[in-house]
C-alpha atoms as a PDB file:
ATOM      1  CA  MET A   1      51.393 -20.773  34.658  1.00  0.00           C
ATOM      2  CA  SER A   2      47.779 -19.326  35.470  1.00  0.00           C
ATOM      3  CA  TRP A   3      44.882 -16.746  34.270  1.00  0.00           C
ATOM      4  CA  THR A   4      44.255 -13.404  36.623  1.00  0.00           C
ATOM      5  CA  THR A   5      41.166 -11.891  35.665  1.00  0.00           C
ATOM      6  CA  THR A   6      39.442  -9.031  37.235  1.00  0.00           C
ATOM      7  CA  ASP A   7      36.464  -6.510  36.896  1.00  0.00           C
ATOM      8  CA  ASP A   8      38.574  -3.325  37.366  1.00  0.00           C
ATOM      9  CA  LEU A   9      40.323  -1.780  34.683  1.00  0.00           C
ATOM     10  CA  ASP A  10      42.744   0.295  36.594  1.00  0.00           C
ATOM     11  CA  THR A  11      44.010  -3.036  37.776  1.00  0.00           C
ATOM     12  CA  PHE A  12      44.159  -4.533  34.632  1.00  0.00           C
ATOM     13  CA  LEU A  13      46.158  -1.778  33.275  1.00  0.00           C
ATOM     14  CA  THR A  14      48.232  -2.159  36.398  1.00  0.00           C
ATOM     15  CA  HIS A  15      49.482  -5.400  35.513  1.00  0.00           C
ATOM     16  CA  ALA A  16      49.017  -6.165  32.048  1.00  0.00           C
ATOM     17  CA  GLY A  17      49.466  -2.313  30.617  1.00  0.00           C
ATOM     18  CA  GLY A  18      53.704  -2.586  30.318  1.00  0.00           C
ATOM     19  CA  PHE A  19      52.530  -5.845  28.304  1.00  0.00           C
ATOM     20  CA  VAL A  20      49.990  -4.719  26.062  1.00  0.00           C
ATOM     21  CA  HIS A  21      51.663  -1.217  25.356  1.00  0.00           C
ATOM     22  CA  SER A  22      54.893  -2.716  24.364  1.00  0.00           C
ATOM     23  CA  ARG A  23      53.495  -3.996  20.690  1.00  0.00           C
ATOM     24  CA  PRO A  24      50.698  -1.570  20.033  1.00  0.00           C
ATOM     25  CA  ALA A  25      49.542  -2.676  16.294  1.00  0.00           C
ATOM     26  CA  GLU A  26      49.161  -6.229  17.746  1.00  0.00           C
ATOM     27  CA  HIS A  27      47.267  -5.362  20.598  1.00  0.00           C
ATOM     28  CA  THR A  28      45.170  -2.757  18.732  1.00  0.00           C
ATOM     29  CA  VAL A  29      41.761  -3.640  19.286  1.00  0.00           C
ATOM     30  CA  LEU A  30      42.509  -4.114  23.204  1.00  0.00           C
ATOM     31  CA  LEU A  31      43.990  -1.068  23.522  1.00  0.00           C
ATOM     32  CA  GLY A  32      41.229   0.830  21.765  1.00  0.00           C
ATOM     33  CA  VAL A  33      38.515  -0.888  23.518  1.00  0.00           C
ATOM     34  CA  ALA A  34      40.450   0.351  26.791  1.00  0.00           C
ATOM     35  CA  ALA A  35      40.934   3.221  26.228  1.00  0.00           C
ATOM     36  CA  THR A  36      36.897   3.781  25.423  1.00  0.00           C
ATOM     37  CA  LEU A  37      36.074   2.327  28.805  1.00  0.00           C
ATOM     38  CA  ALA A  38      39.036   4.442  30.154  1.00  0.00           C
ATOM     39  CA  ALA A  39      37.240   7.557  28.768  1.00  0.00           C
ATOM     40  CA  ALA A  40      33.681   6.414  28.755  1.00  0.00           C
ATOM     41  CA  GLY A  41      33.066   4.241  31.803  1.00  0.00           C
ATOM     42  CA  PRO A  42      32.199   0.628  32.238  1.00  0.00           C
ATOM     43  CA  ALA A  43      28.300   1.317  30.345  1.00  0.00           C
ATOM     44  CA  ALA A  44      30.229   2.185  27.227  1.00  0.00           C
ATOM     45  CA  TYR A  45      29.683  -1.180  25.289  1.00  0.00           C
ATOM     46  CA  GLY A  46      26.939  -2.021  27.256  1.00  0.00           C
ATOM     47  CA  ASP A  47      25.206  -3.311  30.651  1.00  0.00           C
ATOM     48  CA  GLU A  48      27.268  -6.258  31.703  1.00  0.00           C
ATOM     49  CA  PRO A  49      30.286  -5.299  33.418  1.00  0.00           C
ATOM     50  CA  PRO A  50      33.419  -5.931  31.563  1.00  0.00           C
ATOM     51  CA  ARG A  51      36.041  -8.512  32.292  1.00  0.00           C
ATOM     52  CA  TYR A  52      40.417  -8.461  32.199  1.00  0.00           C
ATOM     53  CA  GLY A  53      42.807 -10.512  32.315  1.00  0.00           C
ATOM     54  CA  TRP A  54      46.545 -11.291  32.065  1.00  0.00           C
ATOM     55  CA  TRP A  55      48.642 -14.673  31.796  1.00  0.00           C
ATOM     56  CA  ARG A  56      52.134 -15.197  32.563  1.00  0.00           C
ATOM     57  CA  GLY A  57      54.268 -17.949  31.504  1.00  0.00           C
ATOM     58  CA  PRO A  58      56.772 -20.237  33.222  1.00  0.00           C
ATOM     59  CA  ASP A  59      58.677 -17.296  33.735  1.00  0.00           C
ATOM     60  CA  GLY A  60      56.603 -15.034  35.598  1.00  0.00           C
ATOM     61  CA  ARG A  61      56.109 -12.815  32.600  1.00  0.00           C
ATOM     62  CA  THR A  62      52.708 -11.993  30.987  1.00  0.00           C
ATOM     63  CA  THR A  63      52.494 -13.107  27.593  1.00  0.00           C
ATOM     64  CA  GLY A  64      48.878 -13.620  27.406  1.00  0.00           C
ATOM     65  CA  ALA A  65      45.538 -10.977  27.620  1.00  0.00           C
ATOM     66  CA  PHE A  66      42.007 -10.117  27.239  1.00  0.00           C
ATOM     67  CA  LEU A  67      39.290  -7.989  27.475  1.00  0.00           C
ATOM     68  CA  TRP A  68      35.564  -8.707  26.825  1.00  0.00           C
ATOM     69  CA  THR A  69      32.794  -6.727  26.947  1.00  0.00           C
ATOM     70  CA  PRO A  70      29.454  -8.648  26.876  1.00  0.00           C
ATOM     71  CA  PRO A  71      27.564  -9.220  24.757  1.00  0.00           C
ATOM     72  CA  ARG A  72      30.441  -8.466  22.424  1.00  0.00           C
ATOM     73  CA  LEU A  73      33.128 -11.149  21.389  1.00  0.00           C
ATOM     74  CA  PRO A  74      36.064 -11.556  23.852  1.00  0.00           C
ATOM     75  CA  VAL A  75      38.955  -9.660  22.853  1.00  0.00           C
ATOM     76  CA  LEU A  76      42.255 -11.471  22.570  1.00  0.00           C
ATOM     77  CA  SER A  77      45.664 -10.583  22.281  1.00  0.00           C
ATOM     78  CA  PRO A  78      48.335 -12.962  20.894  1.00  0.00           C
ATOM     79  CA  MET A  79      48.874 -15.403  23.023  1.00  0.00           C
ATOM     80  CA  PRO A  80      50.441 -18.903  23.369  1.00  0.00           C
ATOM     81  CA  ASP A  81      48.234 -21.766  22.261  1.00  0.00           C
ATOM     82  CA  ARG A  82      48.357 -23.114  26.066  1.00  0.00           C
ATOM     83  CA  ALA A  83      46.984 -19.782  27.076  1.00  0.00           C
ATOM     84  CA  ALA A  84      44.317 -19.481  25.233  1.00  0.00           C
ATOM     85  CA  ALA A  85      42.909 -23.410  25.727  1.00  0.00           C
ATOM     86  CA  GLU A  86      43.457 -22.373  28.990  1.00  0.00           C
ATOM     87  CA  LEU A  87      41.197 -19.123  29.063  1.00  0.00           C
ATOM     88  CA  LEU A  88      38.554 -20.606  27.076  1.00  0.00           C
ATOM     89  CA  GLU A  89      38.528 -22.639  30.517  1.00  0.00           C
ATOM     90  CA  VAL A  90      38.144 -20.047  32.245  1.00  0.00           C
ATOM     91  CA  LEU A  91      35.615 -17.512  30.923  1.00  0.00           C
ATOM     92  CA  ALA A  92      33.785 -20.924  30.145  1.00  0.00           C
ATOM     93  CA  ALA A  93      33.164 -21.314  33.920  1.00  0.00           C
ATOM     94  CA  GLY A  94      31.808 -18.470  34.146  1.00  0.00           C
ATOM     95  CA  PRO A  95      27.412 -16.998  34.343  1.00  0.00           C
ATOM     96  CA  LEU A  96      28.082 -15.946  30.716  1.00  0.00           C
ATOM     97  CA  PRO A  97      28.073 -17.894  27.668  1.00  0.00           C
ATOM     98  CA  VAL A  98      31.001 -17.480  25.685  1.00  0.00           C
ATOM     99  CA  GLY A  99      29.635 -16.123  22.418  1.00  0.00           C
ATOM    100  CA  GLY A 100      33.239 -16.561  20.187  1.00  0.00           C
ATOM    101  CA  ALA A 101      36.504 -14.622  19.400  1.00  0.00           C
ATOM    102  CA  ASN A 102      37.826 -11.788  18.240  1.00  0.00           C
ATOM    103  CA  GLY A 103      41.993 -11.728  17.684  1.00  0.00           C
ATOM    104  CA  ALA A 104      45.049 -12.373  16.328  1.00  0.00           C
ATOM    105  CA  ARG A 105      44.619 -15.491  14.228  1.00  0.00           C
ATOM    106  CA  PRO A 106      46.642 -17.774  16.029  1.00  0.00           C
ATOM    107  CA  ALA A 107      45.457 -16.685  19.456  1.00  0.00           C
ATOM    108  CA  ALA A 108      41.960 -16.673  18.294  1.00  0.00           C
ATOM    109  CA  ASP A 109      42.373 -20.629  16.400  1.00  0.00           C
ATOM    110  CA  ALA A 110      43.370 -22.425  19.337  1.00  0.00           C
ATOM    111  CA  PHE A 111      40.950 -20.599  21.901  1.00  0.00           C
ATOM    112  CA  THR A 112      38.328 -21.927  19.330  1.00  0.00           C
ATOM    113  CA  ALA A 113      39.695 -25.206  19.288  1.00  0.00           C
ATOM    114  CA  ALA A 114      39.551 -25.221  22.756  1.00  0.00           C
ATOM    115  CA  TRP A 115      35.854 -24.779  22.654  1.00  0.00           C
ATOM    116  CA  GLU A 116      34.981 -27.377  19.949  1.00  0.00           C
ATOM    117  CA  ARG A 117      36.887 -30.101  22.088  1.00  0.00           C
ATOM    118  CA  ARG A 118      35.183 -28.998  24.909  1.00  0.00           C
ATOM    119  CA  THR A 119      31.284 -28.736  23.558  1.00  0.00           C
ATOM    120  CA  GLY A 120      32.287 -31.192  20.516  1.00  0.00           C
ATOM    121  CA  ARG A 121      30.589 -28.454  18.045  1.00  0.00           C
ATOM    122  CA  ALA A 122      31.786 -26.669  15.153  1.00  0.00           C
ATOM    123  CA  ALA A 123      32.654 -22.736  15.313  1.00  0.00           C
ATOM    124  CA  ARG A 124      31.432 -20.803  12.767  1.00  0.00           C
ATOM    125  CA  LEU A 125      34.083 -18.003  11.311  1.00  0.00           C
ATOM    126  CA  ARG A 126      32.330 -14.997  10.899  1.00  0.00           C
ATOM    127  CA  THR A 127      35.167 -12.742   9.282  1.00  0.00           C
ATOM    128  CA  HIS A 128      38.891 -13.267   8.331  1.00  0.00           C
ATOM    129  CA  LEU A 129      40.576  -9.211   8.939  1.00  0.00           C
ATOM    130  CA  ARG A 130      44.245  -8.199   7.533  1.00  0.00           C
ATOM    131  CA  LEU A 131      45.645  -5.640   9.641  1.00  0.00           C
ATOM    132  CA  TYR A 132      47.082  -3.211   7.759  1.00  0.00           C
ATOM    133  CA  ARG A 133      49.597  -0.341   8.982  1.00  0.00           C
ATOM    134  CA  LEU A 134      50.645   2.663   6.950  1.00  0.00           C
ATOM    135  CA  GLY A 135      54.075   2.619   5.161  1.00  0.00           C
ATOM    136  CA  GLU A 136      54.215   6.302   2.910  1.00  0.00           C
ATOM    137  CA  PRO A 137      51.112   7.654   2.113  1.00  0.00           C
ATOM    138  CA  ALA A 138      49.959   8.124  -1.295  1.00  0.00           C
ATOM    139  CA  PRO A 139      47.138  10.732  -2.282  1.00  0.00           C
ATOM    140  CA  PRO A 140      43.674   8.671  -3.795  1.00  0.00           C
ATOM    141  CA  ASP A 141      44.651   9.006  -7.793  1.00  0.00           C
ATOM    142  CA  PRO A 142      42.462  10.247  -9.240  1.00  0.00           C
ATOM    143  CA  ALA A 143      40.845  12.458  -6.314  1.00  0.00           C
ATOM    144  CA  PRO A 144      37.794  12.323  -5.824  1.00  0.00           C
ATOM    145  CA  ARG A 145      35.206  14.786  -5.927  1.00  0.00           C
ATOM    146  CA  GLY A 146      34.322  16.681  -3.294  1.00  0.00           C
ATOM    147  CA  SER A 147      35.666  17.574   0.509  1.00  0.00           C
ATOM    148  CA  ALA A 148      35.851  16.057   3.959  1.00  0.00           C
ATOM    149  CA  ARG A 149      34.892  17.904   7.051  1.00  0.00           C
ATOM    150  CA  ALA A 150      34.346  16.757  10.336  1.00  0.00           C
ATOM    151  CA  ALA A 151      31.319  14.882  11.892  1.00  0.00           C
ATOM    152  CA  THR A 152      28.819  16.970  14.014  1.00  0.00           C
ATOM    153  CA  ALA A 153      25.314  16.218  16.479  1.00  0.00           C
ATOM    154  CA  ALA A 154      23.782  17.063  13.818  1.00  0.00           C
ATOM    155  CA  ASP A 155      24.616  14.027  11.799  1.00  0.00           C
ATOM    156  CA  ARG A 156      24.110  11.821  14.847  1.00  0.00           C
ATOM    157  CA  GLY A 157      21.066   9.926  12.665  1.00  0.00           C
ATOM    158  CA  LEU A 158      23.172   9.563   9.826  1.00  0.00           C
ATOM    159  CA  LEU A 159      26.125   7.811  11.237  1.00  0.00           C
ATOM    160  CA  VAL A 160      23.754   6.040  13.010  1.00  0.00           C
ATOM    161  CA  ASP A 161      22.185   4.703  10.259  1.00  0.00           C
ATOM    162  CA  TRP A 162      25.415   4.399   8.536  1.00  0.00           C
ATOM    163  CA  TRP A 163      27.610   2.653  11.289  1.00  0.00           C
ATOM    164  CA  GLY A 164      24.716  -0.233  11.456  1.00  0.00           C
ATOM    165  CA  ALA A 165      24.951  -0.935   7.493  1.00  0.00           C
ATOM    166  CA  PHE A 166      28.609  -1.160   7.671  1.00  0.00           C
ATOM    167  CA  ALA A 167      28.259  -3.413  10.821  1.00  0.00           C
ATOM    168  CA  ARG A 168      25.133  -5.381   8.848  1.00  0.00           C
ATOM    169  CA  GLU A 169      27.882  -5.853   6.058  1.00  0.00           C
ATOM    170  CA  SER A 170      30.957  -6.405   7.964  1.00  0.00           C
ATOM    171  CA  GLY A 171      30.036  -8.825  10.209  1.00  0.00           C
ATOM    172  CA  GLY A 172      30.036  -6.700  13.209  1.00  0.00           C
ATOM    173  CA  GLU A 173      28.049  -6.505  15.951  1.00  0.00           C
ATOM    174  CA  PRO A 174      24.254  -5.550  15.593  1.00  0.00           C
ATOM    175  CA  TYR A 175      23.913  -3.523  18.381  1.00  0.00           C
ATOM    176  CA  GLY A 176      25.602  -0.153  20.410  1.00  0.00           C
ATOM    177  CA  HIS A 177      25.750   1.710  17.403  1.00  0.00           C
ATOM    178  CA  ASP A 178      24.311   4.712  18.937  1.00  0.00           C
ATOM    179  CA  ARG A 179      26.572   4.762  21.901  1.00  0.00           C
ATOM    180  CA  ALA A 180      29.705   4.085  19.694  1.00  0.00           C
ATOM    181  CA  VAL A 181      28.603   7.289  17.474  1.00  0.00           C
ATOM    182  CA  ASP A 182      27.996   8.775  20.804  1.00  0.00           C
ATOM    183  CA  ASP A 183      31.965   8.135  21.820  1.00  0.00           C
ATOM    184  CA  ARG A 184      33.177   9.200  18.336  1.00  0.00           C
ATOM    185  CA  LEU A 185      31.691  12.388  18.527  1.00  0.00           C
ATOM    186  CA  SER A 186      33.085  13.150  21.852  1.00  0.00           C
ATOM    187  CA  TYR A 187      36.382  13.598  20.805  1.00  0.00           C
ATOM    188  CA  GLY A 188      35.897  14.166  16.939  1.00  0.00           C
ATOM    189  CA  GLY A 189      36.214  10.699  15.455  1.00  0.00           C
ATOM    190  CA  LEU A 190      34.063  10.952  12.519  1.00  0.00           C
ATOM    191  CA  THR A 191      34.875  12.182   9.008  1.00  0.00           C
ATOM    192  CA  LEU A 192      32.102  12.535   6.532  1.00  0.00           C
ATOM    193  CA  TRP A 193      33.377  13.073   2.786  1.00  0.00           C
ATOM    194  CA  GLU A 194      30.874  15.279   1.073  1.00  0.00           C
ATOM    195  CA  ALA A 195      29.898  15.312  -2.666  1.00  0.00           C
ATOM    196  CA  ASP A 196      27.684  17.774  -4.386  1.00  0.00           C
ATOM    197  CA  GLY A 197      26.822  19.117  -0.961  1.00  0.00           C
ATOM    198  CA  ARG A 198      25.689  16.058   0.696  1.00  0.00           C
ATOM    199  CA  PRO A 199      27.549  13.688   2.943  1.00  0.00           C
ATOM    200  CA  ALA A 200      29.102  10.570   0.513  1.00  0.00           C
ATOM    201  CA  SER A 201      31.215   8.457   2.450  1.00  0.00           C
ATOM    202  CA  LEU A 202      32.203   8.191   6.143  1.00  0.00           C
ATOM    203  CA  ALA A 203      35.537   7.791   8.016  1.00  0.00           C
ATOM    204  CA  GLY A 204      36.152   7.113  11.808  1.00  0.00           C
ATOM    205  CA  LEU A 205      39.721   7.103  14.002  1.00  0.00           C
ATOM    206  CA  THR A 206      39.910   5.441  17.281  1.00  0.00           C
ATOM    207  CA  ARG A 207      41.668   7.347  19.890  1.00  0.00           C
ATOM    208  CA  THR A 208      45.224   7.732  19.583  1.00  0.00           C
ATOM    209  CA  VAL A 209      47.083   4.982  21.962  1.00  0.00           C
ATOM    210  CA  GLY A 210      50.630   4.716  22.828  1.00  0.00           C
ATOM    211  CA  GLY A 211      51.289   6.664  19.553  1.00  0.00           C
ATOM    212  CA  MET A 212      49.051   4.357  17.554  1.00  0.00           C
ATOM    213  CA  VAL A 213      45.751   5.119  15.971  1.00  0.00           C
ATOM    214  CA  ARG A 214      43.259   3.035  13.690  1.00  0.00           C
ATOM    215  CA  VAL A 215      40.904   4.132  11.060  1.00  0.00           C
ATOM    216  CA  GLY A 216      37.392   2.707  10.801  1.00  0.00           C
ATOM    217  CA  PRO A 217      34.753   2.320   9.952  1.00  0.00           C
ATOM    218  CA  VAL A 218      35.127   3.413   6.838  1.00  0.00           C
ATOM    219  CA  TYR A 219      31.236   3.356   4.671  1.00  0.00           C
ATOM    220  CA  THR A 220      29.500   4.688   1.729  1.00  0.00           C
ATOM    221  CA  PRO A 221      26.270   3.615   0.718  1.00  0.00           C
ATOM    222  CA  PRO A 222      25.973   1.291  -1.961  1.00  0.00           C
ATOM    223  CA  ALA A 223      24.248   3.660  -4.526  1.00  0.00           C
ATOM    224  CA  LEU A 224      27.519   6.258  -4.076  1.00  0.00           C
ATOM    225  CA  ARG A 225      30.240   3.800  -4.648  1.00  0.00           C
ATOM    226  CA  ARG A 226      32.868   3.199  -7.316  1.00  0.00           C
ATOM    227  CA  ASN A 227      32.700   7.448  -6.826  1.00  0.00           C
ATOM    228  CA  GLY A 228      36.476   7.785  -5.012  1.00  0.00           C
ATOM    229  CA  TYR A 229      34.698   9.254  -1.857  1.00  0.00           C
ATOM    230  CA  ALA A 230      35.910   6.420   0.398  1.00  0.00           C
ATOM    231  CA  ALA A 231      39.485   7.118  -0.397  1.00  0.00           C
ATOM    232  CA  GLY A 232      39.107  10.901  -0.108  1.00  0.00           C
ATOM    233  CA  ALA A 233      37.373   9.847   3.701  1.00  0.00           C
ATOM    234  CA  THR A 234      40.393   7.297   4.114  1.00  0.00           C
ATOM    235  CA  ALA A 235      43.277   9.778   2.955  1.00  0.00           C
ATOM    236  CA  ALA A 236      41.257  12.777   5.208  1.00  0.00           C
ATOM    237  CA  VAL A 237      41.154  10.835   7.864  1.00  0.00           C
ATOM    238  CA  THR A 238      44.752   9.097   7.831  1.00  0.00           C
ATOM    239  CA  ARG A 239      46.408  12.728   6.860  1.00  0.00           C
ATOM    240  CA  GLY A 240      44.829  14.015  10.041  1.00  0.00           C
ATOM    241  CA  ALA A 241      45.764  11.002  12.269  1.00  0.00           C
ATOM    242  CA  LEU A 242      49.686  12.042  10.756  1.00  0.00           C
ATOM    243  CA  ALA A 243      49.108  15.456  11.741  1.00  0.00           C
ATOM    244  CA  ALA A 244      48.006  15.281  15.083  1.00  0.00           C
ATOM    245  CA  GLY A 245      51.409  13.082  15.483  1.00  0.00           C
ATOM    246  CA  ALA A 246      50.071   9.386  15.267  1.00  0.00           C
ATOM    247  CA  GLU A 247      53.357   7.311  14.874  1.00  0.00           C
ATOM    248  CA  GLN A 248      51.400   4.130  13.481  1.00  0.00           C
ATOM    249  CA  VAL A 249      48.326   4.439  11.423  1.00  0.00           C
ATOM    250  CA  LEU A 250      46.635   0.580  10.862  1.00  0.00           C
ATOM    251  CA  LEU A 251      43.375  -0.364   9.937  1.00  0.00           C
ATOM    252  CA  PHE A 252      41.409  -3.732   9.050  1.00  0.00           C
ATOM    253  CA  ALA A 253      40.084  -4.715   5.894  1.00  0.00           C
ATOM    254  CA  ASP A 254      38.374  -7.902   5.422  1.00  0.00           C
ATOM    255  CA  THR A 255      39.777 -10.447   3.307  1.00  0.00           C
ATOM    256  CA  ALA A 256      37.382 -11.236   1.062  1.00  0.00           C
ATOM    257  CA  ASN A 257      36.488  -7.964  -0.108  1.00  0.00           C
ATOM    258  CA  ARG A 258      38.928  -7.327  -2.792  1.00  0.00           C
ATOM    259  CA  THR A 259      37.890  -3.877  -3.579  1.00  0.00           C
ATOM    260  CA  SER A 260      38.548  -2.154  -0.111  1.00  0.00           C
ATOM    261  CA  THR A 261      42.097  -4.094   1.024  1.00  0.00           C
ATOM    262  CA  ALA A 262      43.256  -3.112  -2.884  1.00  0.00           C
ATOM    263  CA  LEU A 263      42.025   0.656  -2.273  1.00  0.00           C
ATOM    264  CA  TYR A 264      44.071   0.559   1.488  1.00  0.00           C
ATOM    265  CA  GLU A 265      47.024  -0.760  -0.660  1.00  0.00           C
ATOM    266  CA  ARG A 266      47.191   2.056  -2.763  1.00  0.00           C
ATOM    267  CA  LEU A 267      46.708   4.830  -0.179  1.00  0.00           C
ATOM    268  CA  GLY A 268      50.169   3.261   1.349  1.00  0.00           C
ATOM    269  CA  TYR A 269      48.714   0.700   3.557  1.00  0.00           C
ATOM    270  CA  ARG A 270      50.608  -2.494   4.256  1.00  0.00           C
ATOM    271  CA  PRO A 271      49.998  -5.670   5.453  1.00  0.00           C
ATOM    272  CA  VAL A 272      51.137  -7.038   9.228  1.00  0.00           C
ATOM    273  CA  GLY A 273      48.762  -9.796  10.396  1.00  0.00           C
ATOM    274  CA  ASP A 274      45.691 -11.419  10.131  1.00  0.00           C
ATOM    275  CA  HIS A 275      42.687 -11.271  12.543  1.00  0.00           C
ATOM    276  CA  ARG A 276      39.786 -13.760  13.035  1.00  0.00           C
ATOM    277  CA  ARG A 277      36.124 -13.065  14.560  1.00  0.00           C
ATOM    278  CA  TYR A 278      34.661 -16.815  15.411  1.00  0.00           C
ATOM    279  CA  ASP A 279      30.647 -17.224  16.364  1.00  0.00           C
ATOM    280  CA  PHE A 280      29.867 -20.329  18.989  1.00  0.00           C
ATOM    281  CA  PRO A 281      26.744 -21.763  18.518  1.00  0.00           C
ATOM    282  CA  GLN A 282      24.964 -21.987  22.208  1.00  0.00           C
ATOM    283  CA  GLY A 283      22.650 -24.724  23.635  1.00  0.00           C
ATOM    284  CA  THR A 284      24.971 -27.624  23.908  1.00  0.00           C
ATOM    285  CA  PRO A 285      25.840 -27.962  27.513  1.00  0.00           C
ATOM    286  CA  PRO A 286      29.544 -28.602  28.167  1.00  0.00           C
ATOM    287  CA  PRO A 287      30.479 -32.584  28.482  1.00  0.00           C
END
């Protein structure tokens, strides 16, 4: 029972690809990030080289994996609690501070508990997200005014601004918005809802991996909310994903935001499981 780590994406996918592709919904973030790194290169998320790893249990099967693109949080797959605790020790022994955890709730909780035991400090829960999967799609009712169109390079400034605003509101990372927008534009992964001739809402789609695609971000500026524009944008990208052949359409919603969770449920999305993001305060040396 041990972790194997690498800085080579192909090596990671050779050894852990079967595991992460076996349950695309559970591994949606890990699969999405890996797909972006494969398409855009190791600098897609920042200047630090990404790290990858997989954990084998007593029977030799891979039952855990992680992906880390510093300075972002490590992305954890579902894994045994023992694997999560061991992973904390592996990452803490490296040269970079472990800034937190991002993953399915049991794994993220176990990883965070191991950090708290090691440091004697309390972690901070940044966001509690719920993963939803599309069941029977339903159109917005009432239908919002306006229509959807694909975002283009001419929209880049607006898209970067809105992506940053979404990150600030949702507890996302405060950097890399320009890289994220450029990557999404490269494959048509951003859609704008327009009303009265102006952009009113944004919805994105990840790359399709293993038949799975994830909606996000979804953002409407505060002054334009309560007009149904986010519902229109979300429904439009959902239809587009299904038309392109996606077998599973997923999205995350903050459990503290009842407006968004109720919206997604009206559009036909159903809860799958909970994810958590934790921040680890730095500055205390390990005991």
